[in-house]
Amino acid sequence: MPASAKLEMFLNRKGIDYETVNHDEMPSFDVAVSSAGLPQHEVLRATLLIDLNGVVMAVHSYQTAIDVDAVSQVTGRRLQLLTARQADRLFADCEPGFHPPVGAAYDVPVVVDAPVLEMTHAYLTSGSNNSLLRLDGRALRLVLAGARKARVSIVDEAHDLGEGRNSDITLDEVARRLQKLYRLPPMPALALKILRLTANPEATAKELSDLIEYDPSLSAQIMRYARSALFNYPGQINSVQEAVTRVLGFDRVAHVAMGIASVRAFDVPRDGMLGTDAFWRHSLYCAHLCQQMAAFKGVDKGLAYLCGLLHNFGLLLVGHLFPAEFDQLNRLREANPEQSMRTLEMQVFGGDQEFLTVGHGAIGGILHRLWQLPDAVVKTAGMHQHLEYEGDHADHVHMVQLANGLLKGKEIGDEFNPDDTVALADSLGFTDADVAMFLSATDDVAQELDELARTLAA
């Protein structure tokens, strides 16, 4: 698709010079920026807000999020974020999600984040999914002439955490503040006992089943799991020990039981795209995909399953500690499917709780570290929001990222802006045929996974 007709007409009418930077067609603006390899502080984006008087555009650096309250104060209006569908209708001559940060081309008033006007050059979407525009500083200021200037952004501190770059806050500092300010839930006693048992190479199926049978509710859930059509076991299963030895295996039972027991540490609503119903569905699908990938990679399938199952516990911790903010985050997630979770989290926690803008992934990693879970589980939880991650346990992190990227196509999970799943698959050595097989195998048991998720969330 060529550049937006309205944008091109505006630039030509104003005599503003620009350079077109072509790239392959990309499914989203986020993927386009990542694939282009541009410094994110040189890329601009538009955030659209609305009230009864109409739409306002906030222009800011790609690596920041907009402070809605600040824009409201500058404009004297009570603004809220525009939904993705509404924004796409406004930019009808653009690809969905590719909204040029040039409000004048669309007769939309603009508030520009003050640092933008100091930039020597900037990149912005052309409205097309296969090109960006590069403007020098003079051209940029001409494009933004007439915009209100104010400091209206929140810096994305999460972008640099754990990646070896400079940042104002470290994960150790976040962990210290969390422990100082809030009562973090300890790992439930039963989950801790299961964790300790799995660390013993001499542990037996009877010891595991005896532990689980102390909890009638957990026993019933494990029995329902073993009897589900997911495994098609033809015989009778009359005890947890039989479920372990005949159907599920030690590792799978231990990991699922630990997950079920651990979730009990949190008081989180079931409803919404971030509630426990959606959490269990996402976690089980992700774990199932990761286990398949691990078999191809020749790595521990049980550990990969556990990484997929527990990678999103940070969301539960956020919901448990901050119910009001979690409710707001849940509603924002529903209204803004094109926004990343990190962007929404920065919007919700950008004030007095700014240290929480590291994202739910990092917070989950901190909790898993405090709970002394395996290093791969800690790293996967902490880094699954960082698509550029390369480091310890990278294969486990990338498997979870690929699983999440594939699940977006099924509208499962907490993120809906497309990932470059081809690049993620390549990094793991998977072919298109391998990925198709993973998806097909998951589709074959989707009904059973859905039923299991409903059972575990109940």
Protein backbone atom coordinates (compact mmCIF):
# COMPACT_ATOMS: atom_id res chain seq x y z
CA MET A 1 0.00 0.00 0.00
CA PRO A 2 1.34 3.50 -0.81
CA ALA A 3 1.66 6.24 1.80
CA SER A 4 -1.51 7.80 3.17
CA ALA A 5 -3.10 10.03 0.53
CA LYS A 6 -3.99 12.73 3.08
CA LEU A 7 -0.48 12.71 4.54
CA GLU A 8 1.18 12.89 1.14
CA MET A 9 -1.12 15.73 0.06
CA PHE A 10 -0.40 17.67 3.26
CA LEU A 11 3.38 17.32 2.98
CA ASN A 12 3.39 18.30 -0.69
CA ARG A 13 1.09 21.28 -0.11
CA LYS A 14 3.35 22.57 2.67
CA GLY A 15 6.51 21.89 0.68
CA ILE A 16 7.93 19.69 3.44
CA ASP A 17 10.80 17.45 2.38
CA TYR A 18 10.94 13.86 3.55
CA GLU A 19 12.72 10.61 2.77
CA THR A 20 10.85 7.34 2.28
CA VAL A 21 12.34 4.30 4.02
CA ASN A 22 10.89 1.16 2.47
CA HIS A 23 10.67 -2.18 4.28
CA ASP A 24 8.84 -5.47 3.92
CA GLU A 25 5.13 -5.53 4.73
CA MET A 26 4.66 -5.84 8.47
CA PRO A 27 1.58 -6.85 10.49
CA SER A 28 1.84 -3.96 12.94
CA PHE A 29 3.69 -0.70 13.54
CA ASP A 30 5.51 -2.23 16.53
CA VAL A 31 6.85 -5.06 14.39
CA ALA A 32 7.80 -2.59 11.64
CA VAL A 33 9.86 -0.51 14.08
CA SER A 34 11.52 -3.58 15.54
CA SER A 35 12.33 -5.06 12.13
CA ALA A 36 13.73 -1.78 10.81
CA GLY A 37 16.30 -1.79 13.60
CA LEU A 38 15.88 1.93 14.24
CA PRO A 39 16.73 3.53 17.60
CA GLN A 40 13.34 3.76 19.27
CA HIS A 41 13.98 7.26 20.59
CA GLU A 42 14.16 8.43 16.94
CA VAL A 43 10.70 7.07 16.08
CA LEU A 44 7.48 9.03 16.68
CA ARG A 45 4.01 7.67 17.29
CA ALA A 46 0.52 9.07 17.74
CA THR A 47 -1.74 8.33 20.68
CA LEU A 48 -5.35 9.33 20.08
CA LEU A 49 -7.72 10.53 22.78
CA ILE A 50 -11.36 11.57 22.75
CA ASP A 51 -14.08 13.33 24.72
CA LEU A 52 -17.49 14.78 23.86
CA ASN A 53 -15.80 17.56 21.87
CA GLY A 54 -13.88 15.23 19.58
CA VAL A 55 -10.44 13.72 19.05
CA VAL A 56 -7.02 14.97 20.19
CA MET A 57 -3.70 13.56 18.97
CA ALA A 58 -0.70 13.32 21.30
CA VAL A 59 2.64 13.01 19.47
CA HIS A 60 5.51 11.44 21.39
CA SER A 61 8.56 9.22 21.10
CA TYR A 62 7.95 5.54 20.40
CA GLN A 63 9.67 4.51 23.64
CA THR A 64 7.34 6.57 25.82
CA ALA A 65 3.68 6.30 26.78
CA ILE A 66 1.22 9.15 27.06
CA ASP A 67 0.13 10.50 30.43
CA VAL A 68 -3.59 10.94 29.74
CA ASP A 69 -4.06 13.15 32.81
CA ALA A 70 -1.32 15.50 31.59
CA VAL A 71 -2.92 15.85 28.15
CA SER A 72 -6.29 16.47 29.79
CA GLN A 73 -4.78 19.20 31.95
CA VAL A 74 -3.08 20.90 28.98
CA THR A 75 -6.26 20.88 26.90
CA GLY A 76 -8.72 21.53 29.72
CA ARG A 77 -10.69 18.49 28.62
CA ARG A 78 -11.63 15.14 30.16
CA LEU A 79 -10.01 12.80 27.68
CA GLN A 80 -9.79 9.05 27.41
CA LEU A 81 -8.00 6.77 24.99
CA LEU A 82 -9.62 6.17 21.61
CA THR A 83 -10.23 2.50 20.81
CA ALA A 84 -8.25 0.89 18.02
CA ARG A 85 -11.37 0.47 15.90
CA GLN A 86 -12.29 4.14 16.26
CA ALA A 87 -8.73 5.21 15.42
CA ASP A 88 -8.67 3.05 12.31
CA ARG A 89 -11.90 4.67 11.13
CA LEU A 90 -10.35 8.11 11.57
CA PHE A 91 -7.32 7.03 9.51
CA ALA A 92 -9.36 5.34 6.81
CA ASP A 93 -6.65 5.83 4.16
CA CYS A 94 -4.06 4.01 6.30
CA GLU A 95 -3.40 0.40 7.17
CA PRO A 96 -4.96 -0.55 10.53
CA GLY A 97 -2.68 0.50 13.37
CA PHE A 98 -0.41 2.62 11.14
CA HIS A 99 -1.49 6.11 12.20
CA PRO A 100 0.82 8.97 11.10
CA PRO A 101 1.57 11.41 13.95
CA VAL A 102 0.59 14.35 11.75
CA GLY A 103 -2.73 15.60 13.06
CA ALA A 104 -2.86 18.57 10.68
CA ALA A 105 -3.25 16.19 7.74
CA TYR A 106 -6.46 14.87 9.32
CA ASP A 107 -7.78 18.11 10.88
CA VAL A 108 -7.07 16.77 14.36
CA PRO A 109 -5.66 19.09 17.07
CA VAL A 110 -2.26 18.03 18.38
CA VAL A 111 -0.43 18.11 21.70
CA VAL A 112 3.26 17.39 21.17
CA ASP A 113 5.52 16.06 23.90
CA ALA A 114 8.10 18.83 24.45
CA PRO A 115 11.27 16.75 23.84
CA VAL A 116 10.04 15.88 20.33
CA LEU A 117 10.61 19.44 19.15
CA GLU A 118 14.30 19.18 20.09
CA MET A 119 14.92 16.15 17.85
CA THR A 120 17.40 16.54 14.97
CA HIS A 121 15.46 14.02 12.89
CA ALA A 122 12.64 11.53 13.33
CA TYR A 123 10.99 8.51 11.71
CA LEU A 124 7.24 8.07 11.50
CA THR A 125 4.79 5.76 9.82
CA SER A 126 3.61 6.77 6.37
CA GLY A 127 0.26 5.10 6.99
CA SER A 128 1.49 2.17 4.94
CA ASN A 129 2.59 -1.19 6.32
CA ASN A 130 5.70 -1.21 4.13
CA SER A 131 7.34 2.19 4.56
CA LEU A 132 8.42 4.83 7.08
CA LEU A 133 9.17 8.50 6.54
CA ARG A 134 12.33 10.25 7.73
CA LEU A 135 12.11 13.98 8.47
CA ASP A 136 14.95 16.26 9.50
CA GLY A 137 14.48 18.59 12.47
CA ARG A 138 13.27 21.55 10.40
CA ALA A 139 10.72 19.45 8.52
CA LEU A 140 9.54 17.92 11.78
CA ARG A 141 8.88 21.33 13.32
CA LEU A 142 6.96 22.39 10.20
CA VAL A 143 4.81 19.27 10.45
CA LEU A 144 4.04 20.07 14.10
CA ALA A 145 3.54 23.82 13.65
CA GLY A 146 0.53 24.96 15.65
CA ALA A 147 0.61 22.03 18.07
CA ARG A 148 0.44 22.67 21.80
CA LYS A 149 3.78 21.93 23.47
CA ALA A 150 3.91 20.26 26.91
CA ARG A 151 5.55 17.42 28.79
CA VAL A 152 2.92 14.71 28.44
CA SER A 153 4.85 11.44 28.27
CA ILE A 154 5.95 8.75 30.66
CA VAL A 155 9.41 7.33 29.99
CA ASP A 156 9.41 3.59 29.30
CA GLU A 157 11.92 2.57 31.94
CA ALA A 158 10.98 -1.06 31.34
CA HIS A 159 12.64 -0.97 27.94
CA ASP A 160 16.11 -0.98 29.45
CA LEU A 161 15.66 -3.23 32.46
CA GLY A 162 17.67 -6.40 32.39
CA GLU A 163 19.20 -5.63 29.03
CA GLY A 164 22.56 -4.25 30.12
CA ARG A 165 21.71 -0.63 29.35
CA ASN A 166 21.59 2.32 31.70
CA SER A 167 18.32 2.89 33.51
CA ASP A 168 17.08 4.83 36.51
CA ILE A 169 15.74 1.77 38.27
CA THR A 170 16.89 -1.84 38.48
CA LEU A 171 14.97 -5.04 39.12
CA ASP A 172 16.72 -5.35 42.48
CA GLU A 173 15.38 -1.89 43.37
CA VAL A 174 11.87 -2.87 42.25
CA ALA A 175 12.11 -6.04 44.35
CA ARG A 176 13.29 -4.02 47.36
CA ARG A 177 10.43 -1.53 47.02
CA LEU A 178 7.83 -4.24 46.52
CA GLN A 179 8.95 -6.07 49.65
CA LYS A 180 9.16 -2.85 51.67
CA LEU A 181 5.84 -1.33 50.63
CA TYR A 182 3.60 -4.35 50.11
CA ARG A 183 2.96 -7.71 51.69
CA LEU A 184 3.95 -10.12 48.93
CA PRO A 185 2.11 -13.43 49.11
CA PRO A 186 4.34 -16.30 50.20
CA MET A 187 4.29 -19.47 48.15
CA PRO A 188 1.42 -21.56 49.54
CA ALA A 189 2.65 -24.36 51.79
CA LEU A 190 1.45 -27.15 49.51
CA ALA A 191 3.08 -25.59 46.44
CA LEU A 192 6.32 -25.21 48.40
CA LYS A 193 6.23 -28.87 49.45
CA ILE A 194 5.68 -29.93 45.84
CA LEU A 195 8.56 -27.71 44.70
CA ARG A 196 10.89 -29.26 47.28
CA LEU A 197 9.78 -32.75 46.29
CA THR A 198 10.52 -32.12 42.61
CA ALA A 199 14.05 -31.02 43.56
CA ASN A 200 14.69 -34.50 45.00
CA PRO A 201 15.79 -36.89 42.23
CA GLU A 202 14.77 -39.84 44.43
CA ALA A 203 11.17 -38.66 44.89
CA THR A 204 8.48 -41.20 44.04
CA ALA A 205 5.02 -41.04 42.51
CA LYS A 206 3.57 -42.21 45.84
CA GLU A 207 5.19 -39.32 47.72
CA LEU A 208 3.78 -36.85 45.20
CA SER A 209 0.30 -38.37 45.25
CA ASP A 210 0.30 -38.46 49.06
CA LEU A 211 1.07 -34.73 49.10
CA ILE A 212 -1.69 -33.92 46.63
CA GLU A 213 -4.25 -36.08 48.43
CA TYR A 214 -3.92 -33.89 51.52
CA ASP A 215 -5.94 -31.36 49.50
CA PRO A 216 -9.29 -32.82 48.32
CA SER A 217 -9.94 -29.96 45.88
CA LEU A 218 -6.52 -30.30 44.26
CA SER A 219 -6.92 -34.07 44.12
CA ALA A 220 -10.24 -33.71 42.31
CA GLN A 221 -8.73 -31.31 39.78
CA ILE A 222 -5.80 -33.63 39.06
CA MET A 223 -8.19 -36.57 38.64
CA ARG A 224 -10.37 -34.59 36.22
CA TYR A 225 -7.25 -33.62 34.30
CA ALA A 226 -6.10 -37.25 33.98
CA ARG A 227 -9.57 -38.42 32.91
CA SER A 228 -9.97 -35.70 30.29
CA ALA A 229 -10.09 -36.43 26.57
CA LEU A 230 -6.74 -34.66 26.37
CA PHE A 231 -5.06 -37.98 27.15
CA ASN A 232 -7.68 -40.52 25.96
CA TYR A 233 -6.67 -43.03 28.61
CA PRO A 234 -8.85 -46.12 28.00
CA GLY A 235 -8.86 -47.57 31.52
CA GLN A 236 -10.17 -46.57 34.93
CA ILE A 237 -8.27 -44.07 37.08
CA ASN A 238 -9.16 -44.49 40.73
CA SER A 239 -6.48 -42.54 42.58
CA VAL A 240 -4.04 -39.68 42.23
CA GLN A 241 -1.19 -42.18 42.22
CA GLU A 242 -2.73 -43.94 39.23
CA ALA A 243 -3.11 -40.57 37.52
CA VAL A 244 0.61 -40.01 38.07
CA THR A 245 1.89 -43.43 37.07
CA ARG A 246 -0.54 -44.40 34.29
CA VAL A 247 -1.47 -41.16 32.55
CA LEU A 248 0.23 -37.90 33.41
CA GLY A 249 3.69 -38.69 34.69
CA PHE A 250 5.49 -37.29 37.71
CA ASP A 251 6.68 -34.00 36.21
CA ARG A 252 3.37 -33.01 34.61
CA VAL A 253 1.36 -33.71 37.77
CA ALA A 254 3.90 -31.88 39.91
CA HIS A 255 3.92 -28.83 37.66
CA VAL A 256 0.15 -28.59 37.23
CA ALA A 257 -0.43 -29.18 40.95
CA MET A 258 2.15 -26.54 41.84
CA GLY A 259 0.49 -24.09 39.44
CA ILE A 260 -2.98 -24.73 40.88
CA ALA A 261 -1.74 -24.45 44.46
CA SER A 262 0.27 -21.29 43.72
CA VAL A 263 -2.66 -19.45 42.13
CA ARG A 264 -4.46 -19.72 45.46
CA ALA A 265 -2.03 -17.13 46.83
CA PHE A 266 -3.81 -14.45 44.79
CA ASP A 267 -7.19 -12.79 45.12
CA VAL A 268 -7.95 -11.81 41.52
CA PRO A 269 -11.32 -11.50 39.73
CA ARG A 270 -12.24 -14.15 37.20
CA ASP A 271 -13.79 -11.81 34.63
CA GLY A 272 -12.21 -9.81 31.84
CA MET A 273 -9.33 -10.33 29.46
CA LEU A 274 -6.88 -10.36 32.39
CA GLY A 275 -9.00 -12.31 34.90
CA THR A 276 -8.25 -15.82 36.11
CA ASP A 277 -10.52 -17.48 33.52
CA ALA A 278 -8.46 -15.94 30.72
CA PHE A 279 -5.24 -16.51 32.69
CA TRP A 280 -5.74 -20.27 32.94
CA ARG A 281 -6.74 -20.60 29.30
CA HIS A 282 -3.67 -18.66 28.17
CA SER A 283 -1.33 -20.51 30.54
CA LEU A 284 -2.49 -24.00 29.55
CA TYR A 285 -2.30 -23.29 25.81
CA CYS A 286 1.13 -21.72 26.21
CA ALA A 287 2.40 -24.63 28.31
CA HIS A 288 1.07 -27.14 25.77
CA LEU A 289 2.82 -25.37 22.89
CA CYS A 290 6.08 -25.01 24.84
CA GLN A 291 6.11 -28.71 25.64
CA GLN A 292 5.77 -29.56 21.94
CA MET A 293 8.58 -27.15 21.03
CA ALA A 294 10.84 -28.57 23.74
CA ALA A 295 10.50 -32.05 22.26
CA PHE A 296 11.83 -30.70 18.94
CA LYS A 297 14.60 -28.73 20.65
CA GLY A 298 15.70 -31.69 22.74
CA VAL A 299 15.35 -29.77 26.00
CA ASP A 300 13.52 -30.74 29.18
CA LYS A 301 9.82 -30.91 28.27
CA GLY A 302 8.69 -30.68 31.88
CA LEU A 303 10.65 -27.50 32.51
CA ALA A 304 9.38 -25.97 29.25
CA TYR A 305 5.81 -26.81 30.29
CA LEU A 306 6.36 -25.15 33.67
CA CYS A 307 7.82 -22.04 32.02
CA GLY A 308 4.74 -21.70 29.83
CA LEU A 309 2.36 -22.40 32.70
CA LEU A 310 3.84 -19.87 35.15
CA HIS A 311 5.20 -17.13 32.88
CA ASN A 312 2.29 -14.73 33.46
CA PHE A 313 2.06 -14.88 37.25
CA GLY A 314 3.07 -11.22 37.38
CA LEU A 315 -0.45 -10.31 36.23
CA LEU A 316 -1.90 -12.19 39.18
CA LEU A 317 0.42 -10.37 41.57
CA VAL A 318 -0.57 -6.99 40.09
CA GLY A 319 -4.25 -7.91 40.44
CA HIS A 320 -3.74 -9.10 44.00
CA LEU A 321 -1.79 -6.07 45.26
CA PHE A 322 -3.56 -3.34 43.25
CA PRO A 323 -7.21 -4.30 42.64
CA ALA A 324 -8.34 -0.82 41.55
CA GLU A 325 -5.45 -0.38 39.12
CA PHE A 326 -5.93 -3.94 37.87
CA ASP A 327 -9.57 -3.18 37.11
CA GLN A 328 -8.46 -0.13 35.13
CA LEU A 329 -5.81 -2.18 33.32
CA ASN A 330 -8.41 -4.84 32.52
CA ARG A 331 -10.71 -2.22 30.97
CA LEU A 332 -7.87 -0.57 29.04
CA ARG A 333 -6.84 -3.96 27.67
CA GLU A 334 -10.35 -4.53 26.37
CA ALA A 335 -10.59 -1.07 24.78
CA ASN A 336 -7.10 -0.91 23.24
CA PRO A 337 -6.15 -4.25 21.68
CA GLU A 338 -3.47 -2.63 19.51
CA GLN A 339 -1.52 -1.33 22.52
CA SER A 340 1.16 -3.43 24.18
CA MET A 341 0.69 -4.43 27.80
CA ARG A 342 3.81 -2.49 28.74
CA THR A 343 2.30 0.70 27.31
CA LEU A 344 -0.94 0.19 29.22
CA GLU A 345 0.93 -0.66 32.42
CA MET A 346 2.94 2.55 32.12
CA GLN A 347 -0.28 4.50 31.76
CA VAL A 348 -1.84 2.92 34.85
CA PHE A 349 1.25 2.91 37.07
CA GLY A 350 3.00 6.04 35.84
CA GLY A 351 2.36 8.16 38.92
CA ASP A 352 3.17 7.37 42.52
CA GLN A 353 3.78 3.72 41.63
CA GLU A 354 6.07 4.49 38.69
CA PHE A 355 8.50 1.72 39.61
CA LEU A 356 5.79 -0.76 38.59
CA THR A 357 6.10 0.38 34.97
CA VAL A 358 8.76 -2.31 34.59
CA GLY A 359 5.80 -4.47 33.54
CA HIS A 360 4.02 -7.50 34.91
CA GLY A 361 6.63 -9.81 33.41
CA ALA A 362 9.48 -8.37 35.46
CA ILE A 363 7.27 -8.32 38.56
CA GLY A 364 6.41 -11.98 38.01
CA GLY A 365 10.10 -12.80 37.64
CA ILE A 366 10.78 -11.08 40.96
CA LEU A 367 8.06 -13.14 42.66
CA HIS A 368 9.35 -16.39 41.15
CA ARG A 369 12.86 -15.54 42.34
CA LEU A 370 11.56 -14.89 45.87
CA TRP A 371 9.72 -18.20 45.69
CA GLN A 372 12.98 -19.89 44.59
CA LEU A 373 11.55 -21.39 41.42
CA PRO A 374 13.96 -22.76 38.78
CA ASP A 375 16.12 -20.15 37.04
CA ALA A 376 14.53 -20.83 33.64
CA VAL A 377 11.07 -20.13 35.09
CA VAL A 378 12.30 -16.91 36.72
CA LYS A 379 13.96 -15.70 33.52
CA THR A 380 11.01 -16.63 31.29
CA ALA A 381 8.54 -14.74 33.47
CA GLY A 382 10.84 -11.75 33.75
CA MET A 383 11.77 -11.47 30.08
CA HIS A 384 8.78 -12.71 28.08
CA GLN A 385 7.80 -9.09 27.29
CA HIS A 386 11.26 -8.37 25.82
CA LEU A 387 11.27 -9.75 22.27
CA GLU A 388 14.90 -8.69 21.79
CA TYR A 389 16.10 -10.79 24.75
CA GLU A 390 19.31 -12.80 24.35
CA GLY A 391 20.84 -14.23 27.48
CA ASP A 392 20.54 -17.07 29.98
CA HIS A 393 17.75 -19.54 29.19
CA ALA A 394 17.03 -17.71 25.93
CA ASP A 395 15.51 -20.86 24.38
CA HIS A 396 12.89 -21.08 27.13
CA VAL A 397 12.14 -17.35 26.85
CA HIS A 398 11.84 -17.56 23.06
CA MET A 399 9.59 -20.64 23.22
CA VAL A 400 7.16 -18.76 25.46
CA GLN A 401 7.37 -15.70 23.20
CA LEU A 402 6.70 -17.81 20.10
CA ALA A 403 3.81 -19.60 21.81
CA ASN A 404 2.31 -16.26 22.81
CA GLY A 405 2.79 -14.90 19.30
CA LEU A 406 1.00 -17.90 17.80
CA LEU A 407 -1.81 -17.70 20.35
CA LYS A 408 -2.51 -14.10 19.38
CA GLY A 409 -3.90 -15.51 16.14
CA LYS A 410 -6.42 -17.43 18.24
CA GLU A 411 -7.20 -14.36 20.40
CA ILE A 412 -5.72 -16.07 23.44
CA GLY A 413 -3.53 -14.13 25.86
CA ASP A 414 -3.07 -10.57 27.05
CA GLU A 415 -1.34 -9.14 23.93
CA PHE A 416 -2.89 -8.71 20.49
CA ASN A 417 -0.42 -6.58 18.55
CA PRO A 418 1.20 -9.15 16.18
CA ASP A 419 4.73 -10.45 16.77
CA ASP A 420 7.25 -11.50 14.15
CA THR A 421 6.65 -15.20 14.74
CA VAL A 422 8.76 -16.14 11.71
CA ALA A 423 11.84 -14.53 13.28
CA LEU A 424 11.09 -16.14 16.64
CA ALA A 425 10.71 -19.55 15.01
CA ASP A 426 13.98 -19.04 13.11
CA SER A 427 15.79 -18.20 16.34
CA LEU A 428 14.70 -21.59 17.70
CA GLY A 429 15.49 -23.49 14.50
CA PHE A 430 11.85 -24.25 13.65
CA THR A 431 10.58 -24.36 10.07
CA ASP A 432 7.16 -23.21 8.87
CA ALA A 433 6.15 -26.87 8.77
CA ASP A 434 7.20 -27.34 12.40
CA VAL A 435 5.14 -24.34 13.50
CA ALA A 436 2.14 -25.55 11.50
CA MET A 437 2.43 -28.92 13.23
CA PHE A 438 2.57 -27.29 16.69
CA LEU A 439 -0.59 -25.33 15.89
CA SER A 440 -2.39 -28.34 14.42
CA ALA A 441 -1.59 -30.47 17.47
CA THR A 442 -2.89 -27.70 19.71
CA ASP A 443 -6.07 -27.30 17.65
CA ASP A 444 -6.68 -31.04 18.07
CA VAL A 445 -6.93 -30.67 21.85
CA ALA A 446 -8.36 -27.14 22.03
CA GLN A 447 -11.73 -28.29 23.36
CA GLU A 448 -10.04 -30.27 26.13
CA LEU A 449 -7.72 -27.39 27.04
CA ASP A 450 -10.69 -25.02 27.22
CA GLU A 451 -12.59 -27.41 29.48
CA LEU A 452 -9.56 -27.86 31.72
CA ALA A 453 -9.11 -24.08 31.96
CA ARG A 454 -12.74 -23.67 33.05
CA THR A 455 -12.24 -26.38 35.67
CA LEU A 456 -9.08 -24.85 37.10
CA ALA A 457 -10.55 -21.33 37.20
CA ALA A 458 -13.71 -22.46 39.02
